Protein backbone atom coordinates (compact mmCIF):
# COMPACT_ATOMS: atom_id res chain seq x y z
CA MET A 1 10.65 0.17 20.87
CA THR A 2 11.78 2.89 22.89
CA ASN A 3 14.60 5.66 22.10
CA GLY A 4 15.99 3.55 19.80
CA THR A 5 16.01 0.34 22.00
CA VAL A 6 14.76 -2.94 21.79
CA SER A 7 12.41 -4.00 24.44
CA GLU A 8 11.49 -7.81 25.87
CA THR A 9 8.14 -6.84 24.29
CA ASP A 10 9.32 -6.43 20.70
CA THR A 11 11.25 -9.57 21.20
CA ALA A 12 8.14 -11.27 21.92
CA SER A 13 6.33 -9.89 18.95
CA LEU A 14 8.71 -11.24 16.60
CA SER A 15 6.84 -13.88 15.68
CA GLY A 16 7.46 -13.90 11.76
CA GLU A 17 3.33 -13.42 11.17
CA GLY A 18 2.63 -11.28 7.78
CA GLY A 19 3.97 -11.27 4.24
CA PRO A 20 7.14 -11.25 3.37
CA THR A 21 7.23 -7.52 2.71
CA THR A 22 6.16 -6.81 6.45
CA ARG A 23 8.48 -9.24 7.76
CA ARG A 24 11.10 -7.44 6.18
CA ARG A 25 10.44 -4.51 7.47
CA GLN A 26 9.81 -5.71 10.65
CA LEU A 27 13.83 -6.95 10.92
CA GLY A 28 14.66 -3.73 9.37
CA LEU A 29 13.34 -1.60 12.35
CA ARG A 30 14.65 -4.08 14.62
CA LEU A 31 18.06 -3.92 12.94
CA LEU A 32 18.18 -0.21 12.92
CA ALA A 33 17.11 -0.11 16.69
CA LEU A 34 19.89 -3.00 17.31
CA ARG A 35 22.61 -0.74 15.71
CA GLU A 36 21.33 2.59 17.54
CA ALA A 37 21.27 1.01 20.57
CA ALA A 38 25.00 -0.35 20.15
CA GLY A 39 26.01 3.57 18.96
CA LEU A 40 27.42 2.74 15.99
CA SER A 41 27.12 3.84 12.53
CA ALA A 42 26.37 2.16 9.10
CA GLU A 43 29.80 2.08 8.15
CA GLU A 44 30.88 0.75 11.87
CA ALA A 45 28.38 -1.88 11.56
CA GLY A 46 29.70 -2.98 8.32
CA GLU A 47 33.16 -3.22 9.57
CA ARG A 48 32.20 -5.33 12.12
CA ALA A 49 29.80 -7.46 10.46
CA GLY A 50 32.08 -8.22 7.49
CA MET A 51 29.98 -6.29 5.09
CA SER A 52 29.26 -2.91 3.58
CA LYS A 53 28.07 0.33 4.67
CA ALA A 54 25.15 -0.15 1.58
CA THR A 55 24.30 -3.93 2.67
CA VAL A 56 23.80 -2.56 6.29
CA SER A 57 21.78 0.50 4.91
CA ARG A 58 19.41 -1.56 2.61
CA TYR A 59 18.97 -4.19 5.33
CA GLU A 60 17.65 -1.67 7.56
CA ARG A 61 15.32 -0.02 4.68
CA ALA A 62 13.90 -3.53 3.84
CA LYS A 63 15.07 -3.00 0.14
CA GLY A 64 15.50 -6.65 -1.53
CA ASN A 65 15.95 -9.83 -0.55
CA VAL A 66 17.27 -10.79 2.94
CA ARG A 67 20.35 -13.40 3.74
CA TRP A 68 20.20 -14.97 7.10
CA ASN A 69 23.87 -15.37 7.59
CA GLN A 70 24.44 -11.73 7.55
CA VAL A 71 21.40 -11.07 9.88
CA ASP A 72 23.71 -13.49 12.04
CA GLN A 73 26.76 -11.45 11.56
CA LEU A 74 24.97 -8.47 12.38
CA CYS A 75 23.37 -9.38 15.60
CA ARG A 76 26.77 -10.77 16.81
CA ALA A 77 28.35 -7.46 16.28
CA TYR A 78 25.73 -5.64 18.21
CA GLY A 79 26.21 -8.12 20.99
CA VAL A 80 22.47 -9.69 20.39
CA GLY A 81 21.62 -12.64 23.15
CA ASP A 82 20.87 -15.94 21.55
CA THR A 83 17.51 -16.16 21.72
CA GLU A 84 16.84 -13.07 20.07
CA ARG A 85 19.46 -13.42 17.48
CA ARG A 86 17.75 -16.80 16.50
CA GLU A 87 14.36 -14.79 16.35
CA LEU A 88 15.81 -12.44 13.87
CA ILE A 89 17.43 -15.35 11.73
CA GLU A 90 14.17 -16.90 11.47
CA LEU A 91 12.21 -13.79 10.68
CA ALA A 92 15.29 -13.51 7.89
CA LYS A 93 14.76 -16.74 6.73
CA ASN A 94 10.84 -16.14 5.91
CA SER A 95 11.51 -12.87 4.75
CA LYS A 96 11.49 -13.67 0.95
CA ALA A 97 8.17 -14.17 -1.41
CA THR A 98 7.54 -17.57 -2.34
CA GLU A 99 4.04 -17.45 -2.87
CA ALA A 100 2.73 -14.03 -4.36
CA TRP A 101 0.44 -14.17 -6.97
CA TRP A 102 2.54 -11.63 -9.34
CA LEU A 103 5.75 -13.12 -9.04
CA PRO A 104 5.27 -14.75 -12.62
CA LEU A 105 4.96 -11.48 -14.06
CA ALA A 106 7.62 -9.95 -11.93
CA GLY A 107 9.91 -9.47 -14.99
CA LYS A 108 7.02 -7.54 -16.92
CA LEU A 109 5.97 -5.52 -14.07
CA PRO A 110 7.86 -2.51 -12.87
CA GLY A 111 9.55 -2.09 -9.28
CA HIS A 112 6.75 0.19 -8.09
CA LEU A 113 4.14 -2.19 -9.01
CA ARG A 114 5.53 -5.23 -7.46
CA MET A 115 5.92 -3.09 -4.23
CA LEU A 116 2.12 -1.75 -4.91
CA LEU A 117 1.03 -5.15 -5.32
CA ALA A 118 2.93 -6.95 -2.28
CA LEU A 119 1.81 -4.02 0.11
CA GLU A 120 -2.11 -4.42 -1.36
CA ASN A 121 -1.57 -7.95 -0.75
CA GLU A 122 -0.23 -7.92 3.01
CA ALA A 123 -1.68 -4.80 4.47
CA SER A 124 -4.81 -5.76 7.07
CA SER A 125 -6.43 -1.73 6.06
CA ILE A 126 -6.18 0.03 3.53
CA ARG A 127 -7.20 4.07 3.28
CA GLN A 128 -7.18 6.05 0.22
CA HIS A 129 -8.37 9.19 -1.30
CA THR A 130 -8.46 9.19 -4.48
CA ILE A 131 -8.95 12.37 -7.67
CA GLY A 132 -9.94 11.89 -10.99
CA VAL A 133 -10.46 8.70 -11.92
CA VAL A 134 -11.76 5.56 -9.81
CA PRO A 135 -8.98 3.82 -8.10
CA GLY A 136 -7.42 0.63 -9.58
CA LEU A 137 -8.97 -1.54 -6.92
CA LEU A 138 -12.70 -0.66 -7.75
CA GLN A 139 -12.40 -0.22 -11.69
CA THR A 140 -14.64 -2.57 -14.03
CA ARG A 141 -12.37 -3.87 -17.23
CA ASP A 142 -14.39 -1.53 -19.34
CA TYR A 143 -13.41 1.40 -17.24
CA ALA A 144 -9.84 1.08 -16.84
CA GLN A 145 -9.29 0.30 -20.86
CA ALA A 146 -11.25 3.74 -21.36
CA ILE A 147 -8.52 5.44 -19.69
CA LYS A 148 -6.89 7.78 -21.91
CA VAL A 149 -3.02 7.94 -22.29
CA THR A 150 -0.59 9.86 -24.32
CA PRO A 151 0.38 8.12 -27.36
CA GLU A 152 3.99 8.08 -26.22
CA ALA A 153 2.84 6.07 -23.20
CA ALA A 154 0.24 4.19 -25.17
CA LEU A 155 0.93 -0.04 -24.37
CA PRO A 156 0.97 -2.75 -27.56
CA PRO A 157 -2.19 -5.03 -27.61
CA ALA A 158 -0.67 -7.84 -25.63
CA GLU A 159 1.13 -5.49 -22.73
CA LEU A 160 -2.38 -4.07 -22.43
CA ASP A 161 -4.07 -7.02 -21.59
CA THR A 162 -1.27 -8.21 -19.33
CA TYR A 163 -1.87 -4.70 -17.78
CA LEU A 164 -5.66 -4.66 -17.43
CA SER A 165 -5.48 -8.72 -15.83
CA THR A 166 -3.52 -7.61 -13.71
CA ARG A 167 -5.59 -4.72 -12.45
CA MET A 168 -8.03 -7.19 -12.32
CA GLN A 169 -6.62 -9.76 -10.43
CA ARG A 170 -5.22 -7.33 -7.87
CA GLN A 171 -9.17 -6.69 -6.81
CA GLN A 172 -9.60 -10.23 -5.41
CA ILE A 173 -8.17 -9.01 -2.24
CA LEU A 174 -11.54 -7.46 -1.62
CA ASP A 175 -12.91 -11.00 -2.01
CA ARG A 176 -10.70 -13.02 -0.01
CA PRO A 177 -12.30 -14.83 3.30
CA THR A 178 -10.40 -12.10 5.36
CA PRO A 179 -9.92 -8.98 3.25
CA PRO A 180 -8.50 -6.13 4.46
CA ARG A 181 -10.41 -3.05 5.73
CA TYR A 182 -11.10 -0.90 2.81
CA HIS A 183 -12.15 3.16 3.09
CA VAL A 184 -12.01 4.92 0.19
CA ILE A 185 -12.83 8.51 0.03
CA LEU A 186 -13.66 9.48 -3.70
CA ASP A 187 -13.43 13.39 -4.89
CA GLU A 188 -16.76 13.90 -6.54
CA SER A 189 -14.73 14.51 -9.81
CA VAL A 190 -14.04 10.70 -9.81
CA ILE A 191 -18.40 9.69 -10.66
CA ARG A 192 -18.59 13.20 -12.66
CA ARG A 193 -15.91 12.56 -14.87
CA PRO A 194 -16.93 10.58 -17.83
CA VAL A 195 -14.53 7.73 -18.52
CA GLY A 196 -15.60 5.89 -22.12
CA SER A 197 -18.95 6.14 -22.89
CA PRO A 198 -22.39 6.37 -20.55
CA ALA A 199 -22.93 3.20 -20.44
CA ILE A 200 -19.28 2.08 -19.29
CA MET A 201 -19.72 4.81 -16.70
CA ALA A 202 -23.18 3.52 -15.68
CA ALA A 203 -21.63 0.06 -14.88
CA GLN A 204 -18.81 1.52 -13.14
CA LEU A 205 -20.79 3.59 -10.96
CA GLN A 206 -22.95 0.37 -10.23
CA HIS A 207 -19.59 -1.71 -9.00
CA LEU A 208 -19.03 1.02 -6.64
CA LEU A 209 -22.48 0.76 -5.63
CA LYS A 210 -21.76 -2.90 -4.81
CA ARG A 211 -18.36 -2.70 -3.54
CA ALA A 212 -19.90 -0.51 -0.69
CA GLU A 213 -22.43 -2.91 0.47
CA GLN A 214 -19.69 -5.22 1.61
CA PRO A 215 -18.98 -4.99 5.18
CA HIS A 216 -15.19 -4.51 5.21
CA VAL A 217 -15.60 -1.67 2.86
CA THR A 218 -16.67 1.79 3.55
CA MET A 219 -17.01 4.34 1.01
CA GLN A 220 -17.29 7.95 1.13
CA VAL A 221 -17.71 10.76 -1.51
CA LEU A 222 -16.25 14.22 -0.87
CA PRO A 223 -18.82 16.44 -2.70
CA PHE A 224 -17.90 19.63 -4.67
CA SER A 225 -20.02 21.90 -2.04
CA SER A 226 -17.30 20.94 0.55
CA GLY A 227 -14.64 23.37 -0.86
CA ALA A 228 -11.07 22.45 -1.28
CA HIS A 229 -8.51 21.49 1.11
CA SER A 230 -4.93 21.05 0.84
CA VAL A 231 -4.55 17.26 1.95
CA GLY A 232 -7.16 16.33 -0.78
CA LEU A 233 -5.42 17.89 -3.30
CA SER A 234 -4.00 14.56 -4.30
CA SER A 235 -4.25 11.06 -4.59
CA PHE A 236 -2.61 8.94 -1.94
CA ILE A 237 -2.84 5.44 0.02
CA VAL A 238 -2.07 4.95 3.40
CA PHE A 239 -1.69 0.82 3.99
CA GLY A 240 -1.20 -0.41 7.37
CA GLY A 241 -1.93 -2.92 9.98
CA PHE A 242 1.22 -5.18 9.03
CA GLY A 243 1.09 -8.00 11.51
CA GLY A 244 -0.27 -5.81 14.50
CA PRO A 245 -1.73 -2.22 15.04
CA ASP A 246 1.80 -0.52 14.82
CA PRO A 247 1.63 2.58 12.74
CA ALA A 248 5.00 2.77 12.67
CA LEU A 249 4.70 0.02 10.03
CA ASP A 250 2.46 2.13 8.15
CA VAL A 251 3.44 3.19 4.33
CA VAL A 252 1.90 6.36 2.10
CA PHE A 253 2.06 5.79 -1.29
CA LEU A 254 1.95 8.48 -3.76
CA GLU A 255 1.61 8.13 -7.65
CA HIS A 256 2.93 10.61 -10.12
CA PRO A 257 2.66 10.55 -13.90
CA VAL A 258 7.11 9.34 -13.87
CA GLY A 259 6.75 7.36 -11.01
CA SER A 260 5.93 6.47 -7.64
CA LEU A 261 6.79 7.42 -4.27
CA PHE A 262 6.48 4.96 -0.86
CA LEU A 263 6.89 6.91 2.30
CA GLU A 264 7.51 5.51 5.73
CA GLU A 265 8.67 8.68 7.99
CA ALA A 266 6.91 9.62 11.18
CA PRO A 267 5.88 12.77 10.15
CA VAL A 268 4.55 12.16 7.42
CA LEU A 269 2.15 8.79 8.20
CA THR A 270 1.09 11.43 10.69
CA GLU A 271 0.12 13.90 8.34
CA TYR A 272 -1.69 12.03 5.78
CA SER A 273 -3.84 10.13 8.43
CA GLN A 274 -4.75 12.84 10.25
CA GLY A 275 -5.32 14.50 6.76
CA PHE A 276 -7.26 11.65 5.90
CA ALA A 277 -9.39 11.90 9.10
CA HIS A 278 -10.15 15.43 8.52
CA LEU A 279 -11.62 14.24 4.80
CA CYS A 280 -13.69 11.66 6.39
CA GLN A 281 -15.50 14.14 8.33
CA GLN A 282 -15.89 16.55 5.32
CA ALA A 283 -17.13 13.92 3.07
CA LEU A 284 -20.64 12.84 3.03
CA ASP A 285 -21.73 9.32 5.29
CA PRO A 286 -21.66 6.28 3.50
CA ASP A 287 -25.54 6.20 3.07
CA ALA A 288 -25.48 9.98 1.81
CA SER A 289 -22.74 8.51 -0.59
CA ALA A 290 -24.37 6.06 -2.12
CA GLU A 291 -27.19 8.27 -3.07
CA LEU A 292 -25.06 10.40 -4.75
CA ILE A 293 -23.37 7.51 -6.63
CA ASP A 294 -26.97 6.38 -7.54
CA GLU A 295 -27.88 9.66 -8.97
CA ALA A 296 -24.58 10.07 -11.08
CA ARG A 297 -25.29 6.61 -12.37
CA GLN A 298 -29.18 7.35 -13.32
CA SER A 299 -27.74 10.35 -15.47
CA TYR A 300 -25.29 8.33 -17.41
CA LEU A 301 -28.17 5.99 -17.89
CA ASN A 302 -30.29 8.33 -19.12
CA ASN A 303 -27.65 10.10 -21.65
CA ARG A 304 -27.32 6.48 -23.27
CA LYS A 305 -27.65 6.72 -27.23
């Protein structure tokens, strides 16, 4: 895709591979490029295709499920050739999630968590920087349960069990036959901050060491001695590798106490990718990181009562 136009190479790449979230995002990018190439606003495109401006924008932003007949109408409004139109229709038909393991729980999960699970499941690379606590993909159940919450945010026992079970099931992506490449940078505070008992912390750090031995997992610790870094003042995740190496399909995930953000703008992707690369250089290498984690583990073991 160049200067808002669609190339023959782009057309050939639309194989419908990847998960439903990936396919919706591929379709959205293509529809946006086609509309811009046709010189139409979202409102004008909607008028020509017999739908609302909001629907046109929703498809381009990959929000929600897609109706293939409306994609057909948009393609005709944009003057798309038959071959490409059929390919886009096929992509639309295969853009609905049907086999995601979390779908039976969908009614119990907040929207941002459903999106997070979809991205985790479909990404072939995950780059994560985290401060404060061990990231969800690496937590033991005891550690996750020991994280303190404000009284107002406390879950009833049944909901807490569902939450913990979902978190544990998320981690199965790291044990798939073809798992994502997972590169995680842990701020030293993650291994130094006690969560639960010393025994829980020792078991958690042992779990980190075991995960770090997996060939698709790269684990680094950003030590206190490296100082403060502007990009390292908050946790973030960069999901990538959706259906190929195109960085335009990457997504940055930021979480905060009252919600979360999924960012896809090119300048944002560039900033976080460069920031992650900077933190990699400042962090200890994987071997030295494992030694520091094991040192902390031994300290917790020595403090057991």
